[in-house]
């Protein structure tokens, strides 16, 4: 059975508006993001702006980081660890 989640229409409109405002009027979007509100439309605008910013940052990453932005560092040793290995 599929579980469907109903999204508040005010939130969705705010999200779309926030995304577009961030794209075309970044100064206004920044001011709107600082509003402390409980309105679903304002919260949607703030999250729409955040989504736009995330997408812009991802577009600026080099290709080798776009697929996995957080590299796996379990196999890499720090310089101090390498020095200790050399001493042994």
PDB file of N, CA and C in Angstrom:
ATOM      1  N   UNK A   1       0.840  -1.179   0.000  1.00  0.00           N
ATOM      2  CA  UNK A   1       0.000   0.000   0.000  1.00  0.00           C
ATOM      3  C   UNK A   1       0.882   1.239   0.000  1.00  0.00           C
ATOM      4  N   UNK A   2       0.607   2.132  -0.905  1.00  0.00           N
ATOM      5  CA  UNK A   2       1.403   3.353  -0.988  1.00  0.00           C
ATOM      6  C   UNK A   2       0.963   4.344   0.074  1.00  0.00           C
ATOM      7  N   UNK A   3       1.954   4.945   0.660  1.00  0.00           N
ATOM      8  CA  UNK A   3       1.658   5.970   1.659  1.00  0.00           C
ATOM      9  C   UNK A   3       1.840   7.329   0.993  1.00  0.00           C
ATOM     10  N   UNK A   4       0.782   8.097   0.957  1.00  0.00           N
ATOM     11  CA  UNK A   4       0.863   9.429   0.362  1.00  0.00           C
ATOM     12  C   UNK A   4       0.819  10.476   1.457  1.00  0.00           C
ATOM     13  N   UNK A   5       1.644  11.460   1.296  1.00  0.00           N
ATOM     14  CA  UNK A   5       1.702  12.548   2.259  1.00  0.00           C
ATOM     15  C   UNK A   5       1.111  13.790   1.611  1.00  0.00           C
ATOM     16  N   UNK A   6       0.180  14.396   2.268  1.00  0.00           N
ATOM     17  CA  UNK A   6      -0.415  15.620   1.772  1.00  0.00           C
ATOM     18  C   UNK A   6       0.438  16.802   2.202  1.00  0.00           C
ATOM     19  N   UNK A   7       0.820  17.596   1.234  1.00  0.00           N
ATOM     20  CA  UNK A   7       1.601  18.798   1.507  1.00  0.00           C
ATOM     21  C   UNK A   7       0.646  19.983   1.537  1.00  0.00           C
ATOM     22  N   UNK A   8       0.808  20.797   2.547  1.00  0.00           N
ATOM     23  CA  UNK A   8      -0.017  21.991   2.689  1.00  0.00           C
ATOM     24  C   UNK A   8       0.162  22.872   1.448  1.00  0.00           C
ATOM     25  N   UNK A   9      -0.921  23.247   0.775  1.00  0.00           N
ATOM     26  CA  UNK A   9      -0.807  24.083  -0.430  1.00  0.00           C
ATOM     27  C   UNK A   9      -0.097  25.415  -0.163  1.00  0.00           C
ATOM     28  N   UNK A  10      -0.285  25.986   1.037  1.00  0.00           N
ATOM     29  CA  UNK A  10       0.410  27.236   1.363  1.00  0.00           C
ATOM     30  C   UNK A  10       1.919  27.009   1.449  1.00  0.00           C
ATOM     31  N   UNK A  11       2.314  25.877   2.040  1.00  0.00           N
ATOM     32  CA  UNK A  11       3.737  25.549   2.130  1.00  0.00           C
ATOM     33  C   UNK A  11       4.323  25.373   0.734  1.00  0.00           C
ATOM     34  N   UNK A  12       3.627  24.636  -0.124  1.00  0.00           N
ATOM     35  CA  UNK A  12       4.122  24.381  -1.470  1.00  0.00           C
ATOM     36  C   UNK A  12       4.266  25.679  -2.263  1.00  0.00           C
ATOM     37  N   UNK A  13       3.273  26.543  -2.164  1.00  0.00           N
ATOM     38  CA  UNK A  13       3.354  27.840  -2.866  1.00  0.00           C
ATOM     39  C   UNK A  13       4.519  28.661  -2.324  1.00  0.00           C
ATOM     40  N   UNK A  14       4.690  28.658  -0.999  1.00  0.00           N
ATOM     41  CA  UNK A  14       5.812  29.375  -0.404  1.00  0.00           C
ATOM     42  C   UNK A  14       7.150  28.797  -0.820  1.00  0.00           C
ATOM     43  N   UNK A  15       7.238  27.475  -0.889  1.00  0.00           N
ATOM     44  CA  UNK A  15       8.484  26.822  -1.300  1.00  0.00           C
ATOM     45  C   UNK A  15       8.857  27.248  -2.714  1.00  0.00           C
ATOM     46  N   UNK A  16       7.893  27.176  -3.626  1.00  0.00           N
ATOM     47  CA  UNK A  16       8.154  27.572  -5.011  1.00  0.00           C
ATOM     48  C   UNK A  16       8.502  29.051  -5.116  1.00  0.00           C
ATOM     49  N   UNK A  17       7.778  29.880  -4.363  1.00  0.00           N
ATOM     50  CA  UNK A  17       8.074  31.314  -4.361  1.00  0.00           C
ATOM     51  C   UNK A  17       9.466  31.585  -3.796  1.00  0.00           C
ATOM     52  N   UNK A  18       9.809  30.910  -2.704  1.00  0.00           N
ATOM     53  CA  UNK A  18      11.119  31.095  -2.089  1.00  0.00           C
ATOM     54  C   UNK A  18      12.250  30.690  -3.016  1.00  0.00           C
ATOM     55  N   UNK A  19      12.040  29.623  -3.759  1.00  0.00           N
ATOM     56  CA  UNK A  19      13.045  29.161  -4.723  1.00  0.00           C
ATOM     57  C   UNK A  19      13.267  30.212  -5.809  1.00  0.00           C
ATOM     58  N   UNK A  20      12.164  30.716  -6.353  1.00  0.00           N
ATOM     59  CA  UNK A  20      12.268  31.720  -7.409  1.00  0.00           C
ATOM     60  C   UNK A  20      12.836  33.039  -6.901  1.00  0.00           C
ATOM     61  N   UNK A  21      12.437  33.440  -5.720  1.00  0.00           N
ATOM     62  CA  UNK A  21      12.964  34.683  -5.153  1.00  0.00           C
ATOM     63  C   UNK A  21      14.470  34.542  -4.927  1.00  0.00           C
ATOM     64  N   UNK A  22      14.906  33.391  -4.443  1.00  0.00           N
ATOM     65  CA  UNK A  22      16.348  33.173  -4.226  1.00  0.00           C
ATOM     66  C   UNK A  22      17.101  33.223  -5.548  1.00  0.00           C
ATOM     67  N   UNK A  23      16.457  32.764  -6.600  1.00  0.00           N
ATOM     68  CA  UNK A  23      17.101  32.742  -7.908  1.00  0.00           C
ATOM     69  C   UNK A  23      17.232  34.141  -8.505  1.00  0.00           C
ATOM     70  N   UNK A  24      16.186  34.941  -8.372  1.00  0.00           N
ATOM     71  CA  UNK A  24      16.163  36.241  -9.048  1.00  0.00           C
ATOM     72  C   UNK A  24      16.366  37.446  -8.132  1.00  0.00           C
ATOM     73  N   UNK A  25      16.074  37.307  -6.853  1.00  0.00           N
ATOM     74  CA  UNK A  25      16.229  38.399  -5.885  1.00  0.00           C
ATOM     75  C   UNK A  25      16.896  37.868  -4.617  1.00  0.00           C
ATOM     76  N   UNK A  26      18.188  37.533  -4.681  1.00  0.00           N
ATOM     77  CA  UNK A  26      18.840  36.902  -3.528  1.00  0.00           C
ATOM     78  C   UNK A  26      18.854  37.764  -2.264  1.00  0.00           C
ATOM     79  N   UNK A  27      18.905  39.078  -2.414  1.00  0.00           N
ATOM     80  CA  UNK A  27      18.910  39.943  -1.229  1.00  0.00           C
ATOM     81  C   UNK A  27      17.571  39.850  -0.489  1.00  0.00           C
ATOM     82  N   UNK A  28      16.488  39.868  -1.236  1.00  0.00           N
ATOM     83  CA  UNK A  28      15.163  39.747  -0.641  1.00  0.00           C
ATOM     84  C   UNK A  28      14.992  38.368  -0.002  1.00  0.00           C
ATOM     85  N   UNK A  29      15.485  37.342  -0.665  1.00  0.00           N
ATOM     86  CA  UNK A  29      15.383  35.978  -0.130  1.00  0.00           C
ATOM     87  C   UNK A  29      16.142  35.858   1.190  1.00  0.00           C
ATOM     88  N   UNK A  30      17.282  36.525   1.279  1.00  0.00           N
ATOM     89  CA  UNK A  30      18.052  36.480   2.525  1.00  0.00           C
ATOM     90  C   UNK A  30      17.279  37.156   3.659  1.00  0.00           C
ATOM     91  N   UNK A  31      16.646  38.283   3.353  1.00  0.00           N
ATOM     92  CA  UNK A  31      15.852  38.969   4.379  1.00  0.00           C
ATOM     93  C   UNK A  31      14.669  38.110   4.817  1.00  0.00           C
ATOM     94  N   UNK A  32      14.024  37.454   3.873  1.00  0.00           N
ATOM     95  CA  UNK A  32      12.891  36.596   4.208  1.00  0.00           C
ATOM     96  C   UNK A  32      13.321  35.382   5.026  1.00  0.00           C
ATOM     97  N   UNK A  33      14.545  34.930   4.818  1.00  0.00           N
ATOM     98  CA  UNK A  33      15.019  33.747   5.544  1.00  0.00           C
ATOM     99  C   UNK A  33      15.249  34.047   7.025  1.00  0.00           C
ATOM    100  N   UNK A  34      15.377  35.310   7.365  1.00  0.00           N
ATOM    101  CA  UNK A  34      15.638  35.681   8.759  1.00  0.00           C
ATOM    102  C   UNK A  34      14.364  35.917   9.561  1.00  0.00           C
ATOM    103  N   UNK A  35      13.235  35.811   8.909  1.00  0.00           N
ATOM    104  CA  UNK A  35      11.961  36.006   9.599  1.00  0.00           C
ATOM    105  C   UNK A  35      11.676  34.786  10.471  1.00  0.00           C
ATOM    106  N   UNK A  36      11.308  35.044  11.714  1.00  0.00           N
ATOM    107  CA  UNK A  36      10.891  33.960  12.595  1.00  0.00           C
ATOM    108  C   UNK A  36       9.379  33.844  12.479  1.00  0.00           C
ATOM    109  N   UNK A  37       8.943  32.824  11.756  1.00  0.00           N
ATOM    110  CA  UNK A  37       7.517  32.702  11.501  1.00  0.00           C
ATOM    111  C   UNK A  37       7.048  31.270  11.689  1.00  0.00           C
ATOM    112  N   UNK A  38       5.776  31.147  11.917  1.00  0.00           N
ATOM    113  CA  UNK A  38       5.165  29.828  12.031  1.00  0.00           C
ATOM    114  C   UNK A  38       4.206  29.579  10.868  1.00  0.00           C
ATOM    115  N   UNK A  39       4.067  30.533  10.003  1.00  0.00           N
ATOM    116  CA  UNK A  39       3.199  30.401   8.846  1.00  0.00           C
ATOM    117  C   UNK A  39       3.787  29.363   7.884  1.00  0.00           C
ATOM    118  N   UNK A  40       2.975  28.443   7.391  1.00  0.00           N
ATOM    119  CA  UNK A  40       3.490  27.441   6.450  1.00  0.00           C
ATOM    120  C   UNK A  40       4.055  28.069   5.181  1.00  0.00           C
ATOM    121  N   UNK A  41       3.500  29.184   4.766  1.00  0.00           N
ATOM    122  CA  UNK A  41       3.990  29.826   3.544  1.00  0.00           C
ATOM    123  C   UNK A  41       5.390  30.406   3.753  1.00  0.00           C
ATOM    124  N   UNK A  42       5.627  31.053   4.875  1.00  0.00           N
ATOM    125  CA  UNK A  42       6.947  31.618   5.152  1.00  0.00           C
ATOM    126  C   UNK A  42       7.978  30.498   5.350  1.00  0.00           C
ATOM    127  N   UNK A  43       7.591  29.456   6.072  1.00  0.00           N
ATOM    128  CA  UNK A  43       8.490  28.317   6.273  1.00  0.00           C
ATOM    129  C   UNK A  43       8.825  27.690   4.918  1.00  0.00           C
ATOM    130  N   UNK A  44       7.834  27.576   4.043  1.00  0.00           N
ATOM    131  CA  UNK A  44       8.072  27.060   2.695  1.00  0.00           C
ATOM    132  C   UNK A  44       9.033  27.939   1.909  1.00  0.00           C
ATOM    133  N   UNK A  45       8.886  29.250   2.037  1.00  0.00           N
ATOM    134  CA  UNK A  45       9.795  30.170   1.342  1.00  0.00           C
ATOM    135  C   UNK A  45      11.227  29.989   1.829  1.00  0.00           C
ATOM    136  N   UNK A  46      11.386  29.834   3.126  1.00  0.00           N
ATOM    137  CA  UNK A  46      12.716  29.655   3.687  1.00  0.00           C
ATOM    138  C   UNK A  46      13.331  28.343   3.201  1.00  0.00           C
ATOM    139  N   UNK A  47      12.531  27.290   3.158  1.00  0.00           N
ATOM    140  CA  UNK A  47      13.065  26.009   2.703  1.00  0.00           C
ATOM    141  C   UNK A  47      13.304  26.001   1.198  1.00  0.00           C
ATOM    142  N   UNK A  48      12.501  26.725   0.443  1.00  0.00           N
ATOM    143  CA  UNK A  48      12.730  26.866  -0.994  1.00  0.00           C
ATOM    144  C   UNK A  48      14.048  27.571  -1.272  1.00  0.00           C
ATOM    145  N   UNK A  49      14.352  28.596  -0.485  1.00  0.00           N
ATOM    146  CA  UNK A  49      15.633  29.298  -0.617  1.00  0.00           C
ATOM    147  C   UNK A  49      16.787  28.362  -0.298  1.00  0.00           C
ATOM    148  N   UNK A  50      16.646  27.579   0.783  1.00  0.00           N
ATOM    149  CA  UNK A  50      17.702  26.642   1.159  1.00  0.00           C
ATOM    150  C   UNK A  50      17.941  25.613   0.054  1.00  0.00           C
ATOM    151  N   UNK A  51      16.869  25.144  -0.568  1.00  0.00           N
ATOM    152  CA  UNK A  51      16.998  24.172  -1.655  1.00  0.00           C
ATOM    153  C   UNK A  51      17.748  24.788  -2.833  1.00  0.00           C
ATOM    154  N   UNK A  52      17.416  26.026  -3.180  1.00  0.00           N
ATOM    155  CA  UNK A  52      18.098  26.699  -4.282  1.00  0.00           C
ATOM    156  C   UNK A  52      19.594  26.832  -3.985  1.00  0.00           C
ATOM    157  N   UNK A  53      19.924  27.206  -2.764  1.00  0.00           N
ATOM    158  CA  UNK A  53      21.328  27.371  -2.385  1.00  0.00           C
ATOM    159  C   UNK A  53      22.064  26.038  -2.461  1.00  0.00           C
ATOM    160  N   UNK A  54      21.433  24.960  -1.984  1.00  0.00           N
ATOM    161  CA  UNK A  54      22.061  23.634  -2.051  1.00  0.00           C
ATOM    162  C   UNK A  54      22.352  23.235  -3.488  1.00  0.00           C
ATOM    163  N   UNK A  55      21.400  23.487  -4.368  1.00  0.00           N
ATOM    164  CA  UNK A  55      21.589  23.134  -5.772  1.00  0.00           C
ATOM    165  C   UNK A  55      22.698  23.970  -6.402  1.00  0.00           C
ATOM    166  N   UNK A  56      22.783  25.242  -6.044  1.00  0.00           N
ATOM    167  CA  UNK A  56      23.825  26.089  -6.591  1.00  0.00           C
ATOM    168  C   UNK A  56      25.206  25.631  -6.124  1.00  0.00           C
ATOM    169  N   UNK A  57      25.317  25.251  -4.860  1.00  0.00           N
ATOM    170  CA  UNK A  57      26.595  24.774  -4.341  1.00  0.00           C
ATOM    171  C   UNK A  57      26.995  23.471  -5.008  1.00  0.00           C
ATOM    172  N   UNK A  58      26.043  22.595  -5.238  1.00  0.00           N
ATOM    173  CA  UNK A  58      26.345  21.317  -5.877  1.00  0.00           C
ATOM    174  C   UNK A  58      26.815  21.538  -7.308  1.00  0.00           C
ATOM    175  N   UNK A  59      26.237  22.526  -8.012  1.00  0.00           N
ATOM    176  CA  UNK A  59      26.647  22.816  -9.381  1.00  0.00           C
ATOM    177  C   UNK A  59      28.078  23.332  -9.450  1.00  0.00           C
ATOM    178  N   UNK A  60      28.546  23.952  -8.374  1.00  0.00           N
ATOM    179  CA  UNK A  60      29.891  24.519  -8.370  1.00  0.00           C
ATOM    180  C   UNK A  60      30.964  23.498  -8.002  1.00  0.00           C
ATOM    181  N   UNK A  61      30.559  22.329  -7.513  1.00  0.00           N
ATOM    182  CA  UNK A  61      31.528  21.307  -7.132  1.00  0.00           C
ATOM    183  C   UNK A  61      32.190  20.721  -8.374  1.00  0.00           C
ATOM    184  N   UNK A  62      33.435  20.275  -8.250  1.00  0.00           N
ATOM    185  CA  UNK A  62      34.053  19.572  -9.369  1.00  0.00           C
ATOM    186  C   UNK A  62      33.312  18.251  -9.613  1.00  0.00           C
ATOM    187  N   UNK A  63      33.436  17.728 -10.838  1.00  0.00           N
ATOM    188  CA  UNK A  63      32.692  16.526 -11.210  1.00  0.00           C
ATOM    189  C   UNK A  63      32.970  15.346 -10.280  1.00  0.00           C
ATOM    190  N   UNK A  64      34.190  15.205  -9.807  1.00  0.00           N
ATOM    191  CA  UNK A  64      34.515  14.047  -8.986  1.00  0.00           C
ATOM    192  C   UNK A  64      33.878  14.131  -7.605  1.00  0.00           C
ATOM    193  N   UNK A  65      33.387  15.311  -7.208  1.00  0.00           N
ATOM    194  CA  UNK A  65      32.714  15.451  -5.924  1.00  0.00           C
ATOM    195  C   UNK A  65      31.195  15.487  -6.040  1.00  0.00           C
ATOM    196  N   UNK A  66      30.664  15.653  -7.244  1.00  0.00           N
ATOM    197  CA  UNK A  66      29.222  15.786  -7.395  1.00  0.00           C
ATOM    198  C   UNK A  66      28.473  14.520  -6.986  1.00  0.00           C
ATOM    199  N   UNK A  67      29.031  13.358  -7.291  1.00  0.00           N
ATOM    200  CA  UNK A  67      28.338  12.118  -6.950  1.00  0.00           C
ATOM    201  C   UNK A  67      28.393  11.820  -5.466  1.00  0.00           C
ATOM    202  N   UNK A  68      29.537  12.075  -4.838  1.00  0.00           N
ATOM    203  CA  UNK A  68      29.712  11.784  -3.411  1.00  0.00           C
ATOM    204  C   UNK A  68      30.433  12.969  -2.781  1.00  0.00           C
ATOM    205  N   UNK A  69      29.690  13.970  -2.294  1.00  0.00           N
ATOM    206  CA  UNK A  69      30.330  15.178  -1.782  1.00  0.00           C
ATOM    207  C   UNK A  69      31.161  14.960  -0.519  1.00  0.00           C
ATOM    208  N   UNK A  70      30.905  13.866   0.218  1.00  0.00           N
ATOM    209  CA  UNK A  70      31.681  13.600   1.426  1.00  0.00           C
ATOM    210  C   UNK A  70      32.561  12.389   1.161  1.00  0.00           C
ATOM    211  N   UNK A  71      33.857  12.606   0.944  1.00  0.00           N
ATOM    212  CA  UNK A  71      34.733  11.478   0.625  1.00  0.00           C
ATOM    213  C   UNK A  71      34.869  10.531   1.803  1.00  0.00           C
ATOM    214  N   UNK A  72      35.099   9.273   1.487  1.00  0.00           N
ATOM    215  CA  UNK A  72      35.303   8.248   2.503  1.00  0.00           C
ATOM    216  C   UNK A  72      36.742   8.358   2.993  1.00  0.00           C
ATOM    217  N   UNK A  73      36.917   8.720   4.245  1.00  0.00           N
ATOM    218  CA  UNK A  73      38.250   8.942   4.799  1.00  0.00           C
ATOM    219  C   UNK A  73      38.707   7.799   5.690  1.00  0.00           C
ATOM    220  N   UNK A  74      38.078   6.676   5.610  1.00  0.00           N
ATOM    221  CA  UNK A  74      38.444   5.571   6.491  1.00  0.00           C
ATOM    222  C   UNK A  74      39.770   4.955   6.091  1.00  0.00           C
ATOM    223  N   UNK A  75      40.126   5.041   4.811  1.00  0.00           N
ATOM    224  CA  UNK A  75      41.361   4.407   4.351  1.00  0.00           C
ATOM    225  C   UNK A  75      42.546   5.366   4.313  1.00  0.00           C
ATOM    226  N   UNK A  76      42.307   6.632   4.527  1.00  0.00           N
ATOM    227  CA  UNK A  76      43.401   7.588   4.477  1.00  0.00           C
ATOM    228  C   UNK A  76      43.983   7.790   5.863  1.00  0.00           C
ATOM    229  N   UNK A  77      45.288   7.903   5.915  1.00  0.00           N
ATOM    230  CA  UNK A  77      45.982   8.114   7.182  1.00  0.00           C
ATOM    231  C   UNK A  77      46.487   9.541   7.238  1.00  0.00           C
ATOM    232  N   UNK A  78      46.502  10.096   8.410  1.00  0.00           N
ATOM    233  CA  UNK A  78      47.032  11.442   8.562  1.00  0.00           C
ATOM    234  C   UNK A  78      48.548  11.395   8.502  1.00  0.00           C
ATOM    235  N   UNK A  79      49.178  12.545   8.395  1.00  0.00           N
ATOM    236  CA  UNK A  79      50.637  12.601   8.344  1.00  0.00           C
ATOM    237  C   UNK A  79      51.250  12.047   9.614  1.00  0.00           C
ATOM    238  N   UNK A  80      50.627  12.323  10.751  1.00  0.00           N
ATOM    239  CA  UNK A  80      51.143  11.807  12.017  1.00  0.00           C
ATOM    240  C   UNK A  80      51.073  10.290  12.055  1.00  0.00           C
ATOM    241  N   UNK A  81      50.017   9.723  11.555  1.00  0.00           N
ATOM    242  CA  UNK A  81      49.885   8.275  11.539  1.00  0.00           C
ATOM    243  C   UNK A  81      50.928   7.658  10.613  1.00  0.00           C
ATOM    244  N   UNK A  82      51.184   8.306   9.474  1.00  0.00           N
ATOM    245  CA  UNK A  82      52.203   7.805   8.556  1.00  0.00           C
ATOM    246  C   UNK A  82      53.581   7.853   9.202  1.00  0.00           C
ATOM    247  N   UNK A  83      53.873   8.884   9.966  1.00  0.00           N
ATOM    248  CA  UNK A  83      55.157   9.002  10.642  1.00  0.00           C
ATOM    249  C   UNK A  83      55.338   7.879  11.653  1.00  0.00           C
ATOM    250  N   UNK A  84      54.281   7.542  12.365  1.00  0.00           N
ATOM    251  CA  UNK A  84      54.360   6.475  13.347  1.00  0.00           C
ATOM    252  C   UNK A  84      54.582   5.142  12.670  1.00  0.00           C
ATOM    253  N   UNK A  85      53.990   4.943  11.538  1.00  0.00           N
ATOM    254  CA  UNK A  85      54.169   3.676  10.808  1.00  0.00           C
ATOM    255  C   UNK A  85      55.623   3.564  10.344  1.00  0.00           C
ATOM    256  N   UNK A  86      56.211   4.673   9.861  1.00  0.00           N
ATOM    257  CA  UNK A  86      57.589   4.669   9.398  1.00  0.00           C
ATOM    258  C   UNK A  86      58.552   4.369  10.538  1.00  0.00           C
ATOM    259  N   UNK A  87      58.266   4.852  11.728  1.00  0.00           N
ATOM    260  CA  UNK A  87      59.151   4.645  12.884  1.00  0.00           C
ATOM    261  C   UNK A  87      59.158   3.191  13.317  1.00  0.00           C
ATOM    262  N   UNK A  88      58.039   2.499  13.155  1.00  0.00           N
ATOM    263  CA  UNK A  88      57.950   1.110  13.590  1.00  0.00           C
ATOM    264  C   UNK A  88      58.670   0.286  12.587  1.00  0.00           C
TER     265      UNK A  88
END
